[in-house]
Amino acid sequence: MVHDLQIWGAVGGVPMQWMRYGNSRAVSGASNFGLAHYWRHNFQWELAPTANDASGRSQVNLIYPDGANFTFTEESPGNWQCDLSLTDRLLPTTDGFVLLRNDSSRYFFRKVVSGNTSYYLM
């Protein structure tokens, strides 16, 4: 992790800072800084629908800024569960999802449809 910019005295719960993460194990998600170590930034959250699981349940893939990758499966209508021991929760909204983190922060993802594909914009 590299701290490129930090503004002291920022207002709100999220500090005003710009950080980059280099993750040589990351293999998916956007590579805005090139492919060397899959550099990402701290505002680069990605949520995208993926193929249904073997039981036909809907799935979405969530990639954190540090490159950690988690798949959420819709176990029942409105109930999305992660396949790993992730404590963050993903809840559906009228136009997308909200990610509830343990530190009480919330990240909202709005569904965007572009032609035959769809993605989520934070």
Protein backbone atom coordinates (compact mmCIF):
# COMPACT_ATOMS: atom_id res chain seq x y z
CA MET A 1 0.00 0.00 0.00
CA VAL A 2 1.30 3.45 -0.94
CA HIS A 3 -0.14 6.67 0.56
CA ASP A 4 -0.03 9.21 -2.27
CA LEU A 5 -2.13 12.01 -0.76
CA GLN A 6 -3.63 12.77 2.64
CA ILE A 7 -5.57 15.89 3.61
CA TRP A 8 -5.64 16.55 7.34
CA GLY A 9 -8.82 17.86 8.91
CA ALA A 10 -11.14 16.31 6.32
CA VAL A 11 -14.83 16.29 7.27
CA GLY A 12 -16.75 13.02 7.65
CA GLY A 13 -16.04 9.47 8.65
CA VAL A 14 -13.91 8.55 5.63
CA PRO A 15 -10.47 10.18 5.70
CA MET A 16 -9.53 12.20 2.62
CA GLN A 17 -6.62 10.19 1.35
CA TRP A 18 -5.56 8.54 -1.88
CA MET A 19 -3.83 5.18 -1.58
CA ARG A 20 -2.68 2.61 -4.08
CA TYR A 21 -2.57 -1.13 -3.48
CA GLY A 22 -0.29 -3.51 -5.36
CA ASN A 23 -1.52 -7.09 -5.24
CA SER A 24 0.48 -9.64 -7.23
CA ARG A 25 -2.14 -12.32 -6.42
CA ALA A 26 -5.07 -10.38 -7.84
CA VAL A 27 -6.23 -11.77 -11.16
CA SER A 28 -9.53 -10.01 -11.80
CA GLY A 29 -11.04 -6.56 -11.84
CA ALA A 30 -10.06 -3.40 -13.66
CA SER A 31 -6.36 -2.62 -14.01
CA ASN A 32 -6.38 1.16 -14.28
CA PHE A 33 -2.64 1.42 -13.58
CA GLY A 34 -1.45 -1.41 -15.82
CA LEU A 35 -0.98 -5.11 -15.14
CA ALA A 36 2.22 -4.98 -13.08
CA HIS A 37 1.09 -6.19 -9.63
CA TYR A 38 -2.50 -5.17 -10.40
CA TRP A 39 -2.29 -1.72 -8.85
CA ARG A 40 -5.64 -0.46 -7.57
CA HIS A 41 -6.74 2.59 -5.54
CA ASN A 42 -8.72 2.90 -2.31
CA PHE A 43 -11.90 4.09 -4.06
CA GLN A 44 -11.84 1.22 -6.56
CA TRP A 45 -14.68 -1.02 -5.38
CA GLU A 46 -16.15 -3.29 -8.06
CA LEU A 47 -19.42 -5.21 -7.98
CA ALA A 48 -20.57 -7.20 -11.00
CA PRO A 49 -23.05 -9.99 -11.69
CA THR A 50 -21.49 -13.37 -12.48
CA ALA A 51 -22.82 -16.67 -13.78
CA ASN A 52 -25.39 -18.45 -11.65
CA ASP A 53 -24.11 -21.21 -9.38
CA ALA A 54 -24.75 -24.94 -10.00
CA SER A 55 -28.15 -24.64 -8.28
CA GLY A 56 -29.20 -21.75 -10.56
CA ARG A 57 -28.94 -19.08 -7.84
CA SER A 58 -27.88 -15.54 -8.80
CA GLN A 59 -24.38 -14.41 -7.87
CA VAL A 60 -22.43 -11.14 -7.75
CA ASN A 61 -18.68 -10.69 -7.44
CA LEU A 62 -17.30 -7.99 -5.11
CA ILE A 63 -13.69 -6.83 -5.46
CA TYR A 64 -12.27 -4.70 -2.66
CA PRO A 65 -9.70 -1.94 -3.29
CA ASP A 66 -6.85 -4.18 -2.09
CA GLY A 67 -7.81 -6.84 -4.67
CA ALA A 68 -9.63 -9.21 -2.30
CA ASN A 69 -12.36 -10.97 -4.27
CA PHE A 70 -15.63 -12.33 -2.79
CA THR A 71 -18.67 -13.96 -4.38
CA PHE A 72 -22.12 -13.40 -2.89
CA THR A 73 -24.94 -15.85 -3.68
CA GLU A 74 -28.66 -15.12 -3.31
CA GLU A 75 -29.61 -17.89 -0.86
CA SER A 76 -33.26 -16.77 -0.78
CA PRO A 77 -35.01 -13.63 -2.11
CA GLY A 78 -33.17 -10.63 -0.64
CA ASN A 79 -30.69 -12.76 1.33
CA TRP A 80 -27.17 -12.59 -0.12
CA GLN A 81 -24.44 -14.66 1.53
CA CYS A 82 -20.71 -14.80 0.92
CA ASP A 83 -19.00 -18.12 0.28
CA LEU A 84 -16.17 -17.25 2.72
CA SER A 85 -16.02 -16.01 6.29
CA LEU A 86 -16.54 -12.35 5.38
CA THR A 87 -18.20 -10.25 8.10
CA ASP A 88 -19.36 -7.48 5.73
CA ARG A 89 -22.97 -7.82 4.55
CA LEU A 90 -24.46 -7.15 1.12
CA LEU A 91 -28.11 -6.06 1.10
CA PRO A 92 -30.32 -5.39 -1.93
CA THR A 93 -31.83 -1.93 -2.47
CA THR A 94 -34.45 -0.76 -4.96
CA ASP A 95 -31.77 0.07 -7.55
CA GLY A 96 -28.76 -2.08 -6.55
CA PHE A 97 -26.98 -3.03 -3.33
CA VAL A 98 -25.52 -1.56 -0.16
CA LEU A 99 -22.41 -3.03 1.45
CA LEU A 100 -22.49 -2.75 5.25
CA ARG A 101 -19.03 -2.93 6.81
CA ASN A 102 -18.09 -3.77 10.40
CA ASP A 103 -16.81 -0.21 10.96
CA SER A 104 -20.38 1.06 10.25
CA SER A 105 -19.43 2.48 6.84
CA ARG A 106 -21.80 1.90 3.93
CA TYR A 107 -21.04 1.67 0.24
CA PHE A 108 -23.93 1.99 -2.22
CA PHE A 109 -23.84 0.33 -5.65
CA ARG A 110 -26.40 1.39 -8.28
CA LYS A 111 -27.17 -0.99 -11.15
CA VAL A 112 -26.37 0.37 -14.61
CA VAL A 113 -27.54 -1.36 -17.78
CA SER A 114 -25.48 -0.83 -20.92
CA GLY A 115 -26.75 -2.68 -23.98
CA ASN A 116 -26.90 -6.39 -23.13
CA THR A 117 -24.67 -6.13 -20.06
CA SER A 118 -25.07 -4.68 -16.59
CA TYR A 119 -22.70 -3.58 -13.86
CA TYR A 120 -22.84 -1.71 -10.57
CA LEU A 121 -21.53 1.82 -10.03
CA MET A 122 -20.46 2.80 -6.51
